């Protein structure tokens, strides 16, 4: 994006705010210039790791199988 934000992260934050007004997105790792498929894969791996630790996130990705514990 023109302001330097990650477009995918910004869109996810905007969608999450529809369900939870206090939601915010935070970049935990800069993937640099990469494809969407690789970015989604990295995100799904991190979400599965955090869910295995007992966290519930992200709000707007609940329906995707790649984000669940046993996928």
Protein backbone atom coordinates (compact mmCIF):
# COMPACT_ATOMS: atom_id res chain seq x y z
CA UNK A 1 0.00 0.00 0.00
CA UNK A 2 1.07 3.58 -0.48
CA UNK A 3 1.42 4.19 3.26
CA UNK A 4 3.77 1.20 3.70
CA UNK A 5 1.23 -1.14 5.31
CA UNK A 6 0.90 -4.75 4.29
CA UNK A 7 -2.30 -4.91 2.23
CA UNK A 8 -3.24 -8.43 3.32
CA UNK A 9 -2.74 -7.60 6.97
CA UNK A 10 -4.67 -4.35 6.64
CA UNK A 11 -7.64 -6.13 5.01
CA UNK A 12 -7.63 -8.84 7.69
CA UNK A 13 -7.63 -6.19 10.40
CA UNK A 14 -10.53 -4.37 8.76
CA UNK A 15 -12.58 -7.58 8.51
CA UNK A 16 -11.81 -8.57 12.11
CA UNK A 17 -12.94 -5.14 13.36
CA UNK A 18 -16.42 -5.89 12.01
CA UNK A 19 -16.76 -8.65 14.63
CA UNK A 20 -14.50 -7.24 17.33
CA UNK A 21 -14.06 -3.44 17.35
CA UNK A 22 -10.87 -3.63 19.45
CA UNK A 23 -9.11 -6.06 17.07
CA UNK A 24 -5.81 -5.02 15.55
CA UNK A 25 -3.24 -6.55 13.22
CA UNK A 26 0.42 -6.77 14.08
CA UNK A 27 3.17 -7.86 11.72
CA UNK A 28 5.17 -10.56 13.48
CA UNK A 29 7.54 -11.36 10.63
CA UNK A 30 8.41 -9.53 7.43
CA UNK A 31 8.25 -11.99 4.54
CA UNK A 32 9.58 -9.44 2.08
CA UNK A 33 8.46 -9.70 -1.54
CA UNK A 34 6.62 -13.02 -1.78
CA UNK A 35 3.60 -14.65 -3.38
CA UNK A 36 0.19 -14.68 -1.73
CA UNK A 37 0.30 -18.48 -1.52
CA UNK A 38 3.57 -18.41 0.45
CA UNK A 39 2.27 -15.64 2.72
CA UNK A 40 -0.93 -17.59 3.45
CA UNK A 41 1.13 -20.73 4.14
CA UNK A 42 3.38 -18.88 6.59
CA UNK A 43 0.37 -17.31 8.29
CA UNK A 44 -1.48 -20.63 8.55
CA UNK A 45 1.59 -22.31 10.08
CA UNK A 46 1.89 -19.59 12.72
CA UNK A 47 -1.85 -19.71 13.49
CA UNK A 48 -1.72 -23.51 13.95
CA UNK A 49 1.29 -23.14 16.27
CA UNK A 50 -0.46 -20.51 18.37
CA UNK A 51 -3.70 -22.52 18.49
CA UNK A 52 -1.77 -25.55 19.73
CA UNK A 53 -0.63 -23.30 22.60
CA UNK A 54 -4.30 -22.55 23.39
CA UNK A 55 -4.80 -19.18 21.68
CA UNK A 56 -7.90 -18.45 19.59
CA UNK A 57 -7.08 -16.43 16.48
CA UNK A 58 -7.60 -14.87 13.98
CA UNK A 59 -11.27 -14.02 14.08
CA UNK A 60 -11.88 -13.77 10.34
CA UNK A 61 -10.14 -17.04 9.38
CA UNK A 62 -12.21 -19.55 11.34
CA UNK A 63 -13.69 -21.29 8.26
CA UNK A 64 -10.38 -22.11 6.53
CA UNK A 65 -9.21 -25.68 7.16
CA UNK A 66 -5.53 -24.69 6.85
CA UNK A 67 -5.87 -22.63 10.05
CA UNK A 68 -7.21 -25.47 12.22
CA UNK A 69 -5.09 -27.63 14.53
CA UNK A 70 -5.32 -30.91 12.63
CA UNK A 71 -4.80 -29.80 9.06
